[in-house]
C-alpha atoms as a PDB file:
ATOM      1  CA  MET A   1     127.804  97.921 108.646  1.00  0.00           C
ATOM      2  CA  SER A   2     127.429  94.345 109.887  1.00  0.00           C
ATOM      3  CA  VAL A   3     124.205  92.393 110.132  1.00  0.00           C
ATOM      4  CA  ALA A   4     124.553  92.419 113.929  1.00  0.00           C
ATOM      5  CA  THR A   5     124.729  96.225 114.082  1.00  0.00           C
ATOM      6  CA  LEU A   6     121.430  96.791 112.295  1.00  0.00           C
ATOM      7  CA  PRO A   7     119.205  95.077 114.907  1.00  0.00           C
ATOM      8  CA  ASP A   8     120.991  97.013 117.665  1.00  0.00           C
ATOM      9  CA  LEU A   9     120.212 100.334 115.985  1.00  0.00           C
ATOM     10  CA  ILE A  10     116.592  99.300 115.496  1.00  0.00           C
ATOM     11  CA  ASP A  11     116.291  98.283 119.161  1.00  0.00           C
ATOM     12  CA  ARG A  12     117.642 101.681 120.240  1.00  0.00           C
ATOM     13  CA  ALA A  13     115.190 103.477 117.970  1.00  0.00           C
ATOM     14  CA  VAL A  14     112.236 101.402 119.199  1.00  0.00           C
ATOM     15  CA  SER A  15     113.222 102.061 122.809  1.00  0.00           C
ATOM     16  CA  ALA A  16     113.487 105.810 122.194  1.00  0.00           C
ATOM     17  CA  ILE A  17     110.072 105.993 120.516  1.00  0.00           C
ATOM     18  CA  GLY A  18     108.650 103.875 123.336  1.00  0.00           C
ATOM     19  CA  GLU A  19     109.322 106.797 125.688  1.00  0.00           C
ATOM     20  CA  VAL A  20     106.540 108.806 124.001  1.00  0.00           C
ATOM     21  CA  LEU A  21     104.337 106.042 122.527  1.00  0.00           C
ATOM     22  CA  PHE A  22     103.589 103.361 125.092  1.00  0.00           C
ATOM     23  CA  GLY A  23     102.806  99.739 124.336  1.00  0.00           C
ATOM     24  CA  LYS A  24     103.143  99.888 120.536  1.00  0.00           C
ATOM     25  CA  GLU A  25     106.495  98.159 119.943  1.00  0.00           C
ATOM     26  CA  GLN A  26     105.239  95.957 117.073  1.00  0.00           C
ATOM     27  CA  ALA A  27     103.716  98.921 115.210  1.00  0.00           C
ATOM     28  CA  VAL A  28     106.903 100.959 115.724  1.00  0.00           C
ATOM     29  CA  ARG A  29     109.034  98.112 114.332  1.00  0.00           C
ATOM     30  CA  GLN A  30     106.752  97.802 111.321  1.00  0.00           C
ATOM     31  CA  ALA A  31     106.943 101.560 110.742  1.00  0.00           C
ATOM     32  CA  LEU A  32     110.747 101.502 110.870  1.00  0.00           C
ATOM     33  CA  CYS A  33     110.718  98.512 108.502  1.00  0.00           C
ATOM     34  CA  CYS A  34     108.650 100.572 106.064  1.00  0.00           C
ATOM     35  CA  LEU A  35     111.059 103.504 106.088  1.00  0.00           C
ATOM     36  CA  LEU A  36     114.142 101.268 105.839  1.00  0.00           C
ATOM     37  CA  THR A  37     112.569  99.700 102.745  1.00  0.00           C
ATOM     38  CA  SER A  38     112.423 103.210 101.210  1.00  0.00           C
ATOM     39  CA  GLY A  39     108.647 103.173 101.429  1.00  0.00           C
ATOM     40  CA  HIS A  40     105.983 105.676 102.414  1.00  0.00           C
ATOM     41  CA  LEU A  41     103.826 105.038 105.473  1.00  0.00           C
ATOM     42  CA  LEU A  42     100.081 105.534 106.011  1.00  0.00           C
ATOM     43  CA  LEU A  43      98.805 105.609 109.603  1.00  0.00           C
ATOM     44  CA  GLU A  44      95.045 105.119 109.811  1.00  0.00           C
ATOM     45  CA  ASP A  45      93.101 105.249 113.050  1.00  0.00           C
ATOM     46  CA  LEU A  46      90.605 107.224 115.097  1.00  0.00           C
ATOM     47  CA  PRO A  47      91.582 110.700 116.378  1.00  0.00           C
ATOM     48  CA  GLY A  48      93.728 110.746 119.503  1.00  0.00           C
ATOM     49  CA  MET A  49      95.289 107.300 119.081  1.00  0.00           C
ATOM     50  CA  GLY A  50      98.909 108.487 118.668  1.00  0.00           C
ATOM     51  CA  LYS A  51      99.270 108.683 114.872  1.00  0.00           C
ATOM     52  CA  THR A  52     100.858 112.143 114.850  1.00  0.00           C
ATOM     53  CA  THR A  53     102.977 111.297 117.905  1.00  0.00           C
ATOM     54  CA  LEU A  54     104.437 108.277 116.073  1.00  0.00           C
ATOM     55  CA  ALA A  55     105.057 110.302 112.910  1.00  0.00           C
ATOM     56  CA  HIS A  56     106.924 113.014 114.842  1.00  0.00           C
ATOM     57  CA  ALA A  57     108.914 110.426 116.795  1.00  0.00           C
ATOM     58  CA  LEU A  58     109.994 108.633 113.602  1.00  0.00           C
ATOM     59  CA  ALA A  59     111.205 111.926 112.130  1.00  0.00           C
ATOM     60  CA  ASP A  60     113.163 112.715 115.305  1.00  0.00           C
ATOM     61  CA  VAL A  61     114.720 109.272 115.720  1.00  0.00           C
ATOM     62  CA  LEU A  62     116.004 109.263 112.120  1.00  0.00           C
ATOM     63  CA  GLY A  63     117.501 112.750 112.452  1.00  0.00           C
ATOM     64  CA  LEU A  64     115.979 113.932 109.162  1.00  0.00           C
ATOM     65  CA  SER A  65     114.821 117.376 108.117  1.00  0.00           C
ATOM     66  CA  TYR A  66     111.060 117.351 108.204  1.00  0.00           C
ATOM     67  CA  ALA A  67     107.958 119.464 107.892  1.00  0.00           C
ATOM     68  CA  ARG A  68     104.384 118.905 109.022  1.00  0.00           C
ATOM     69  CA  VAL A  69     101.430 119.925 106.882  1.00  0.00           C
ATOM     70  CA  GLN A  70      97.923 119.912 108.319  1.00  0.00           C
ATOM     71  CA  PHE A  71      95.689 118.860 105.441  1.00  0.00           C
ATOM     72  CA  THR A  72      92.371 120.712 105.270  1.00  0.00           C
ATOM     73  CA  SER A  73      89.652 121.127 102.668  1.00  0.00           C
ATOM     74  CA  ASP A  74      91.049 124.513 101.559  1.00  0.00           C
ATOM     75  CA  LEU A  75      94.683 123.369 101.220  1.00  0.00           C
ATOM     76  CA  LEU A  76      96.070 123.970  97.718  1.00  0.00           C
ATOM     77  CA  PRO A  77      98.780 121.972  95.873  1.00  0.00           C
ATOM     78  CA  SER A  78     101.018 125.068  95.921  1.00  0.00           C
ATOM     79  CA  ASP A  79     100.869 125.043  99.740  1.00  0.00           C
ATOM     80  CA  ILE A  80     102.744 121.734  99.588  1.00  0.00           C
ATOM     81  CA  LEU A  81     104.946 122.073  96.519  1.00  0.00           C
ATOM     82  CA  GLY A  82     105.832 125.762  96.598  1.00  0.00           C
ATOM     83  CA  VAL A  83     105.166 128.716  94.320  1.00  0.00           C
ATOM     84  CA  SER A  84     107.009 131.065  91.960  1.00  0.00           C
ATOM     85  CA  VAL A  85     106.899 134.679  93.157  1.00  0.00           C
ATOM     86  CA  PHE A  86     107.670 137.703  90.980  1.00  0.00           C
ATOM     87  CA  ASN A  87     110.628 139.743  92.207  1.00  0.00           C
ATOM     88  CA  ARG A  88     110.149 143.381  91.223  1.00  0.00           C
ATOM     89  CA  GLU A  89     113.809 144.277  91.717  1.00  0.00           C
ATOM     90  CA  THR A  90     115.185 141.613  89.387  1.00  0.00           C
ATOM     91  CA  GLU A  91     112.017 141.410  87.281  1.00  0.00           C
ATOM     92  CA  THR A  92     112.175 137.615  87.413  1.00  0.00           C
ATOM     93  CA  PHE A  93     110.200 134.855  89.045  1.00  0.00           C
ATOM     94  CA  GLN A  94     111.827 133.218  92.048  1.00  0.00           C
ATOM     95  CA  PHE A  95     110.742 129.827  93.315  1.00  0.00           C
ATOM     96  CA  ARG A  96     109.913 129.506  96.999  1.00  0.00           C
ATOM     97  CA  SER A  97     110.034 125.847  97.911  1.00  0.00           C
ATOM     98  CA  GLY A  98     107.234 124.268  99.884  1.00  0.00           C
ATOM     99  CA  PRO A  99     107.394 121.798 102.769  1.00  0.00           C
ATOM    100  CA  ILE A 100     107.722 118.837 100.397  1.00  0.00           C
ATOM    101  CA  PHE A 101     111.398 119.744  99.923  1.00  0.00           C
ATOM    102  CA  ASN A 102     112.285 118.110 103.225  1.00  0.00           C
ATOM    103  CA  GLN A 103     113.587 114.601 103.781  1.00  0.00           C
ATOM    104  CA  LEU A 104     110.435 113.643 105.641  1.00  0.00           C
ATOM    105  CA  LEU A 105     106.980 115.128 105.095  1.00  0.00           C
ATOM    106  CA  LEU A 106     104.306 114.591 107.725  1.00  0.00           C
ATOM    107  CA  ALA A 107     100.955 114.805 105.930  1.00  0.00           C
ATOM    108  CA  ASP A 108      98.550 115.052 108.849  1.00  0.00           C
ATOM    109  CA  GLU A 109      94.938 113.979 108.191  1.00  0.00           C
ATOM    110  CA  ILE A 110      95.620 113.597 104.477  1.00  0.00           C
ATOM    111  CA  ASN A 111      92.067 112.528 103.707  1.00  0.00           C
ATOM    112  CA  ARG A 112      90.648 115.880 104.829  1.00  0.00           C
ATOM    113  CA  ALA A 113      92.124 117.531 101.718  1.00  0.00           C
ATOM    114  CA  THR A 114      90.447 117.447  98.321  1.00  0.00           C
ATOM    115  CA  PRO A 115      91.488 114.799  95.762  1.00  0.00           C
ATOM    116  CA  ARG A 116      93.235 117.522  93.731  1.00  0.00           C
ATOM    117  CA  THR A 117      95.536 118.347  96.641  1.00  0.00           C
ATOM    118  CA  GLN A 118      96.037 114.680  97.527  1.00  0.00           C
ATOM    119  CA  SER A 119      97.183 113.992  93.963  1.00  0.00           C
ATOM    120  CA  ALA A 120      99.907 116.644  94.303  1.00  0.00           C
ATOM    121  CA  LEU A 121     101.824 114.082  96.361  1.00  0.00           C
ATOM    122  CA  LEU A 122     101.532 111.322  93.766  1.00  0.00           C
ATOM    123  CA  GLU A 123     104.517 112.275  91.591  1.00  0.00           C
ATOM    124  CA  ALA A 124     106.670 113.004  94.643  1.00  0.00           C
ATOM    125  CA  MET A 125     105.917 109.614  96.196  1.00  0.00           C
ATOM    126  CA  ALA A 126     106.400 107.689  92.962  1.00  0.00           C
ATOM    127  CA  GLU A 127     109.410 109.417  91.401  1.00  0.00           C
ATOM    128  CA  ARG A 128     111.031 111.422  94.213  1.00  0.00           C
ATOM    129  CA  GLN A 129     110.559 114.602  92.177  1.00  0.00           C
ATOM    130  CA  VAL A 130     107.886 117.209  91.496  1.00  0.00           C
ATOM    131  CA  SER A 131     107.038 119.169  88.354  1.00  0.00           C
ATOM    132  CA  ILE A 132     106.598 122.899  88.921  1.00  0.00           C
ATOM    133  CA  ASP A 133     106.077 125.397  86.099  1.00  0.00           C
ATOM    134  CA  GLY A 134     106.740 122.572  83.664  1.00  0.00           C
ATOM    135  CA  ALA A 135     110.190 121.767  85.050  1.00  0.00           C
ATOM    136  CA  PRO A 136     111.098 118.751  87.235  1.00  0.00           C
ATOM    137  CA  ARG A 137     112.656 119.459  90.623  1.00  0.00           C
ATOM    138  CA  GLY A 138     114.389 116.677  92.527  1.00  0.00           C
ATOM    139  CA  LEU A 139     113.623 115.969  96.164  1.00  0.00           C
ATOM    140  CA  PRO A 140     116.236 115.341  98.864  1.00  0.00           C
ATOM    141  CA  GLU A 141     117.557 111.858  99.545  1.00  0.00           C
ATOM    142  CA  PRO A 142     116.257 110.075 101.475  1.00  0.00           C
ATOM    143  CA  PHE A 143     112.660 111.208 101.002  1.00  0.00           C
ATOM    144  CA  PHE A 144     109.683 109.807 102.890  1.00  0.00           C
ATOM    145  CA  VAL A 145     106.019 110.653 103.278  1.00  0.00           C
ATOM    146  CA  ILE A 146     104.323 109.686 106.521  1.00  0.00           C
ATOM    147  CA  ALA A 147     100.612 110.380 106.225  1.00  0.00           C
ATOM    148  CA  THR A 148      97.930 110.063 108.876  1.00  0.00           C
ATOM    149  CA  GLN A 149      94.244 109.707 108.176  1.00  0.00           C
ATOM    150  CA  ASN A 150      91.018 109.160 110.039  1.00  0.00           C
ATOM    151  CA  PRO A 151      88.710 106.298 109.001  1.00  0.00           C
ATOM    152  CA  ALA A 152      86.611 107.067 105.921  1.00  0.00           C
ATOM    153  CA  HIS A 153      83.354 107.133 107.896  1.00  0.00           C
ATOM    154  CA  GLN A 154      84.535 110.219 109.832  1.00  0.00           C
ATOM    155  CA  SER A 155      82.848 113.438 108.717  1.00  0.00           C
ATOM    156  CA  GLY A 156      84.742 115.789 106.406  1.00  0.00           C
ATOM    157  CA  THR A 157      86.979 113.140 104.839  1.00  0.00           C
ATOM    158  CA  TYR A 158      87.715 112.213 101.223  1.00  0.00           C
ATOM    159  CA  VAL A 159      88.542 108.624 100.350  1.00  0.00           C
ATOM    160  CA  LEU A 160      92.082 108.195  99.038  1.00  0.00           C
ATOM    161  CA  PRO A 161      92.034 106.809  95.477  1.00  0.00           C
ATOM    162  CA  GLU A 162      93.545 103.371  94.829  1.00  0.00           C
ATOM    163  CA  SER A 163      96.411 104.932  92.859  1.00  0.00           C
ATOM    164  CA  GLN A 164      97.379 106.971  95.938  1.00  0.00           C
ATOM    165  CA  LEU A 165      96.962 104.082  98.380  1.00  0.00           C
ATOM    166  CA  ASP A 166      99.204 101.889  96.228  1.00  0.00           C
ATOM    167  CA  ARG A 167     102.081 104.343  96.686  1.00  0.00           C
ATOM    168  CA  PHE A 168     102.157 103.669 100.420  1.00  0.00           C
ATOM    169  CA  LEU A 169     104.331 100.667 101.192  1.00  0.00           C
ATOM    170  CA  MET A 170     102.463 100.023 104.449  1.00  0.00           C
ATOM    171  CA  ARG A 171      99.277 100.989 106.211  1.00  0.00           C
ATOM    172  CA  LEU A 172      99.259 100.661 109.993  1.00  0.00           C
ATOM    173  CA  SER A 173      96.631 101.118 112.688  1.00  0.00           C
ATOM    174  CA  LEU A 174      97.708 101.662 116.283  1.00  0.00           C
ATOM    175  CA  GLY A 175      94.488 100.759 118.101  1.00  0.00           C
ATOM    176  CA  TYR A 176      93.676 101.443 121.726  1.00  0.00           C
ATOM    177  CA  PRO A 177      96.524 101.068 124.254  1.00  0.00           C
ATOM    178  CA  ASN A 178      96.533  98.054 126.544  1.00  0.00           C
ATOM    179  CA  PHE A 179      95.788  98.475 130.259  1.00  0.00           C
ATOM    180  CA  GLU A 180      99.410  98.870 131.366  1.00  0.00           C
ATOM    181  CA  ALA A 181     100.296 101.314 128.577  1.00  0.00           C
ATOM    182  CA  GLU A 182      97.246 103.473 129.260  1.00  0.00           C
ATOM    183  CA  ARG A 183      98.022 103.494 132.980  1.00  0.00           C
ATOM    184  CA  ALA A 184     101.563 104.732 132.228  1.00  0.00           C
ATOM    185  CA  LEU A 185     100.161 107.395 129.894  1.00  0.00           C
ATOM    186  CA  LEU A 186      97.696 108.648 132.499  1.00  0.00           C
ATOM    187  CA  GLN A 187     100.376 108.690 135.189  1.00  0.00           C
ATOM    188  CA  ARG A 188     102.631 110.791 132.958  1.00  0.00           C
ATOM    189  CA  GLY A 189      99.821 113.331 132.836  1.00  0.00           C
ATOM    190  CA  HIS A 190     100.825 115.506 129.872  1.00  0.00           C
ATOM    191  CA  ASP A 191     100.766 115.542 126.072  1.00  0.00           C
ATOM    192  CA  LEU A 192     103.547 113.209 124.948  1.00  0.00           C
ATOM    193  CA  SER A 193     103.294 114.430 121.343  1.00  0.00           C
ATOM    194  CA  LYS A 194     105.284 117.509 122.430  1.00  0.00           C
ATOM    195  CA  SER A 195     108.144 115.401 123.845  1.00  0.00           C
ATOM    196  CA  ALA A 196     111.314 115.306 121.751  1.00  0.00           C
ATOM    197  CA  VAL A 197     113.013 112.028 120.829  1.00  0.00           C
ATOM    198  CA  ASP A 198     116.795 111.942 120.483  1.00  0.00           C
ATOM    199  CA  PRO A 199     118.147 110.831 117.073  1.00  0.00           C
ATOM    200  CA  CYS A 200     119.320 107.202 117.089  1.00  0.00           C
ATOM    201  CA  ILE A 201     120.011 106.619 113.379  1.00  0.00           C
ATOM    202  CA  SER A 202     121.881 109.141 111.240  1.00  0.00           C
ATOM    203  CA  PRO A 203     121.095 109.632 107.532  1.00  0.00           C
ATOM    204  CA  GLU A 204     124.466 108.057 106.736  1.00  0.00           C
ATOM    205  CA  GLN A 205     123.647 104.987 108.833  1.00  0.00           C
ATOM    206  CA  LEU A 206     120.256 104.815 107.150  1.00  0.00           C
ATOM    207  CA  MET A 207     121.921 104.571 103.735  1.00  0.00           C
ATOM    208  CA  GLU A 208     124.328 101.913 105.052  1.00  0.00           C
ATOM    209  CA  MET A 209     121.395  99.910 106.422  1.00  0.00           C
ATOM    210  CA  ARG A 210     119.717 100.036 103.016  1.00  0.00           C
ATOM    211  CA  ALA A 211     122.886  98.660 101.434  1.00  0.00           C
ATOM    212  CA  VAL A 212     122.945  95.760 103.915  1.00  0.00           C
ATOM    213  CA  ILE A 213     119.256  95.024 103.280  1.00  0.00           C
ATOM    214  CA  SER A 214     119.826  94.865  99.527  1.00  0.00           C
ATOM    215  CA  GLN A 215     122.142  91.874 100.068  1.00  0.00           C
ATOM    216  CA  THR A 216     119.475  89.784 101.819  1.00  0.00           C
ATOM    217  CA  THR A 217     118.878  86.335 100.312  1.00  0.00           C
ATOM    218  CA  LEU A 218     115.408  85.150  99.285  1.00  0.00           C
ATOM    219  CA  SER A 219     115.140  81.425  98.525  1.00  0.00           C
ATOM    220  CA  ASP A 220     113.313  80.053  95.491  1.00  0.00           C
ATOM    221  CA  SER A 221     110.809  78.285  97.748  1.00  0.00           C
ATOM    222  CA  LEU A 222     109.818  81.502  99.515  1.00  0.00           C
ATOM    223  CA  LEU A 223     109.699  83.356  96.220  1.00  0.00           C
ATOM    224  CA  GLY A 224     107.294  80.676  95.017  1.00  0.00           C
ATOM    225  CA  TYR A 225     105.190  81.212  98.170  1.00  0.00           C
ATOM    226  CA  ILE A 226     104.921  84.938  97.449  1.00  0.00           C
ATOM    227  CA  GLN A 227     103.947  84.193  93.858  1.00  0.00           C
ATOM    228  CA  ARG A 228     101.232  81.781  95.029  1.00  0.00           C
ATOM    229  CA  LEU A 229      99.902  84.440  97.402  1.00  0.00           C
ATOM    230  CA  THR A 230      99.808  86.935  94.546  1.00  0.00           C
ATOM    231  CA  ALA A 231      98.115  84.481  92.174  1.00  0.00           C
ATOM    232  CA  PHE A 232      95.435  83.626  94.755  1.00  0.00           C
ATOM    233  CA  THR A 233      94.429  87.302  95.108  1.00  0.00           C
ATOM    234  CA  ARG A 234      93.960  87.500  91.335  1.00  0.00           C
ATOM    235  CA  GLU A 235      91.994  84.271  90.932  1.00  0.00           C
ATOM    236  CA  ALA A 236      89.837  83.785  94.048  1.00  0.00           C
ATOM    237  CA  PRO A 237      86.243  85.070  93.787  1.00  0.00           C
ATOM    238  CA  GLU A 238      86.498  86.927  97.114  1.00  0.00           C
ATOM    239  CA  PHE A 239      88.872  89.461  95.534  1.00  0.00           C
ATOM    240  CA  SER A 240      87.674  92.243  93.226  1.00  0.00           C
ATOM    241  CA  VAL A 241      91.192  93.613  92.735  1.00  0.00           C
ATOM    242  CA  GLY A 242      94.238  91.426  93.320  1.00  0.00           C
ATOM    243  CA  LEU A 243      97.793  92.271  94.259  1.00  0.00           C
ATOM    244  CA  SER A 244      99.696  94.205  91.595  1.00  0.00           C
ATOM    245  CA  PRO A 245     103.345  93.558  90.664  1.00  0.00           C
ATOM    246  CA  ARG A 246     104.222  96.689  92.651  1.00  0.00           C
ATOM    247  CA  GLY A 247     102.519  95.170  95.671  1.00  0.00           C
ATOM    248  CA  ALA A 248     104.424  91.907  95.273  1.00  0.00           C
ATOM    249  CA  LEU A 249     107.719  93.810  95.023  1.00  0.00           C
ATOM    250  CA  ALA A 250     106.787  95.747  98.165  1.00  0.00           C
ATOM    251  CA  LEU A 251     106.181  92.472 100.011  1.00  0.00           C
ATOM    252  CA  VAL A 252     109.585  91.107  98.955  1.00  0.00           C
ATOM    253  CA  GLY A 253     111.372  94.307  99.982  1.00  0.00           C
ATOM    254  CA  ALA A 254     109.659  94.540 103.369  1.00  0.00           C
ATOM    255  CA  ALA A 255     110.333  90.850 104.116  1.00  0.00           C
ATOM    256  CA  LYS A 256     114.045  91.346 103.405  1.00  0.00           C
ATOM    257  CA  THR A 257     114.150  94.344 105.734  1.00  0.00           C
ATOM    258  CA  TRP A 258     112.342  92.451 108.494  1.00  0.00           C
ATOM    259  CA  ALA A 259     114.823  89.591 108.183  1.00  0.00           C
ATOM    260  CA  GLN A 260     117.736  91.978 108.721  1.00  0.00           C
ATOM    261  CA  MET A 261     115.935  93.580 111.671  1.00  0.00           C
ATOM    262  CA  GLU A 262     115.769  90.083 113.178  1.00  0.00           C
ATOM    263  CA  GLY A 263     119.523  89.619 112.648  1.00  0.00           C
ATOM    264  CA  ARG A 264     119.426  87.330 109.611  1.00  0.00           C
ATOM    265  CA  ASN A 265     120.750  87.814 106.075  1.00  0.00           C
ATOM    266  CA  TYR A 266     118.117  85.509 104.599  1.00  0.00           C
ATOM    267  CA  VAL A 267     114.310  85.674 104.538  1.00  0.00           C
ATOM    268  CA  ALA A 268     112.328  83.156 106.617  1.00  0.00           C
ATOM    269  CA  PRO A 269     108.575  82.426 106.344  1.00  0.00           C
ATOM    270  CA  ASP A 270     107.978  84.356 109.581  1.00  0.00           C
ATOM    271  CA  ASP A 271     109.397  87.491 107.948  1.00  0.00           C
ATOM    272  CA  VAL A 272     106.799  87.335 105.175  1.00  0.00           C
ATOM    273  CA  GLN A 273     104.023  86.777 107.726  1.00  0.00           C
ATOM    274  CA  ALA A 274     105.195  89.709 109.876  1.00  0.00           C
ATOM    275  CA  VAL A 275     104.801  92.237 107.058  1.00  0.00           C
ATOM    276  CA  LEU A 276     102.016  90.604 105.026  1.00  0.00           C
ATOM    277  CA  ALA A 277      99.006  92.486 106.425  1.00  0.00           C
ATOM    278  CA  PRO A 278     100.632  95.963 106.647  1.00  0.00           C
ATOM    279  CA  VAL A 279     101.934  95.705 103.073  1.00  0.00           C
ATOM    280  CA  ILE A 280      98.985  94.244 101.173  1.00  0.00           C
ATOM    281  CA  ALA A 281      95.734  94.764 103.146  1.00  0.00           C
ATOM    282  CA  HIS A 282      95.192  98.313 101.811  1.00  0.00           C
ATOM    283  CA  ARG A 283      95.874  97.163  98.237  1.00  0.00           C
ATOM    284  CA  LEU A 284      93.192  94.446  98.196  1.00  0.00           C
ATOM    285  CA  ILE A 285      89.553  95.171  97.321  1.00  0.00           C
ATOM    286  CA  PRO A 286      86.891  92.592  98.219  1.00  0.00           C
ATOM    287  CA  SER A 287      84.280  91.533  95.698  1.00  0.00           C
ATOM    288  CA  ALA A 288      80.720  92.764  96.047  1.00  0.00           C
ATOM    289  CA  ASP A 289      79.625  89.405  97.496  1.00  0.00           C
ATOM    290  CA  TYR A 290      82.340  89.316 100.184  1.00  0.00           C
ATOM    291  CA  ALA A 291      81.500  90.891 103.540  1.00  0.00           C
ATOM    292  CA  GLY A 292      85.053  91.347 104.841  1.00  0.00           C
ATOM    293  CA  ASP A 293      87.672  94.078 104.352  1.00  0.00           C
ATOM    294  CA  GLY A 294      91.343  93.976 103.359  1.00  0.00           C
ATOM    295  CA  ASN A 295      92.414  92.474 106.682  1.00  0.00           C
ATOM    296  CA  ALA A 296      89.814  89.710 106.322  1.00  0.00           C
ATOM    297  CA  LEU A 297      91.196  88.973 102.856  1.00  0.00           C
ATOM    298  CA  VAL A 298      94.704  88.663 104.326  1.00  0.00           C
ATOM    299  CA  ALA A 299      93.382  86.176 106.894  1.00  0.00           C
ATOM    300  CA  LEU A 300      91.789  84.226 104.040  1.00  0.00           C
ATOM    301  CA  LEU A 301      95.126  84.222 102.200  1.00  0.00           C
ATOM    302  CA  ARG A 302      96.951  82.837 105.221  1.00  0.00           C
ATOM    303  CA  SER A 303      94.443  80.018 105.621  1.00  0.00           C
ATOM    304  CA  GLN A 304      94.315  79.022 101.950  1.00  0.00           C
ATOM    305  CA  VAL A 305      97.923  79.372 100.767  1.00  0.00           C
ATOM    306  CA  ASP A 306     100.561  77.187 102.446  1.00  0.00           C
ATOM    307  CA  VAL A 307     104.237  78.077 102.616  1.00  0.00           C
ATOM    308  CA  ILE A 308     105.033  74.614 101.255  1.00  0.00           C
ATOM    309  CA  PRO A 309     102.596  73.624  98.485  1.00  0.00           C
ATOM    310  CA  GLY A 310     100.630  70.474  99.206  1.00  0.00           C
END
């Protein structure tokens, strides 16, 4: 696959998803960037904003096997992973796989499940395998988790622990549609979440795109910029918890993918800026004396750390 082919495939995918999710091209591109970087995606917003619609559309456009699990307070880990059932005829236990054994798992309203059930995803997201009855079971390749959640102040929600949040490469919020997009939605007059999206990228093409992305060049100067960003989060008093090495690696990987999506085989400063907030905002914790959230900390980073050191 050539560098020129990759942006064309992305444009087709964005256009297809745009038929069911109006006015959210930037968020769709960021979501595709996340999945191309082999990362898991967290969609956080108020109910009814299109989170589940986007998750379904991404699964359709990539042509992957997928399952949707509605997370509730009574959901058990076995409902996700599967369970061993005793077969009376053979007098043996037979494993019945759960929905996690799909290439893409849609974890809808993940923060409505208890922490015990949330943690059942941790091994799968980190190692692409699950341990059941003491034995590891591999997951299909590629494997992605797209989770949606409502803001923590909504009733009946459990806050995701930092260890779980850190496994998501990106966190995105869709926000309210603009005037033109909402007008188009109202004119359509039906639930777009039930509309199918034709596949635009095959699993084979997805693997080829990953191979192209792995060849992307990152200059020493930009690598130094990312290191200065990371160091600032660990040293500035506004930060209680800085960016981990995993977070820095996620930023590098996402920037390389964004560069290829823009038709370049090298990373530019704009590529880092395009993915900075989605990749690191949910990993940063403000100090007790700082009034802002993760997004405010990202804005502080941008203002205090220059691409070219002074």
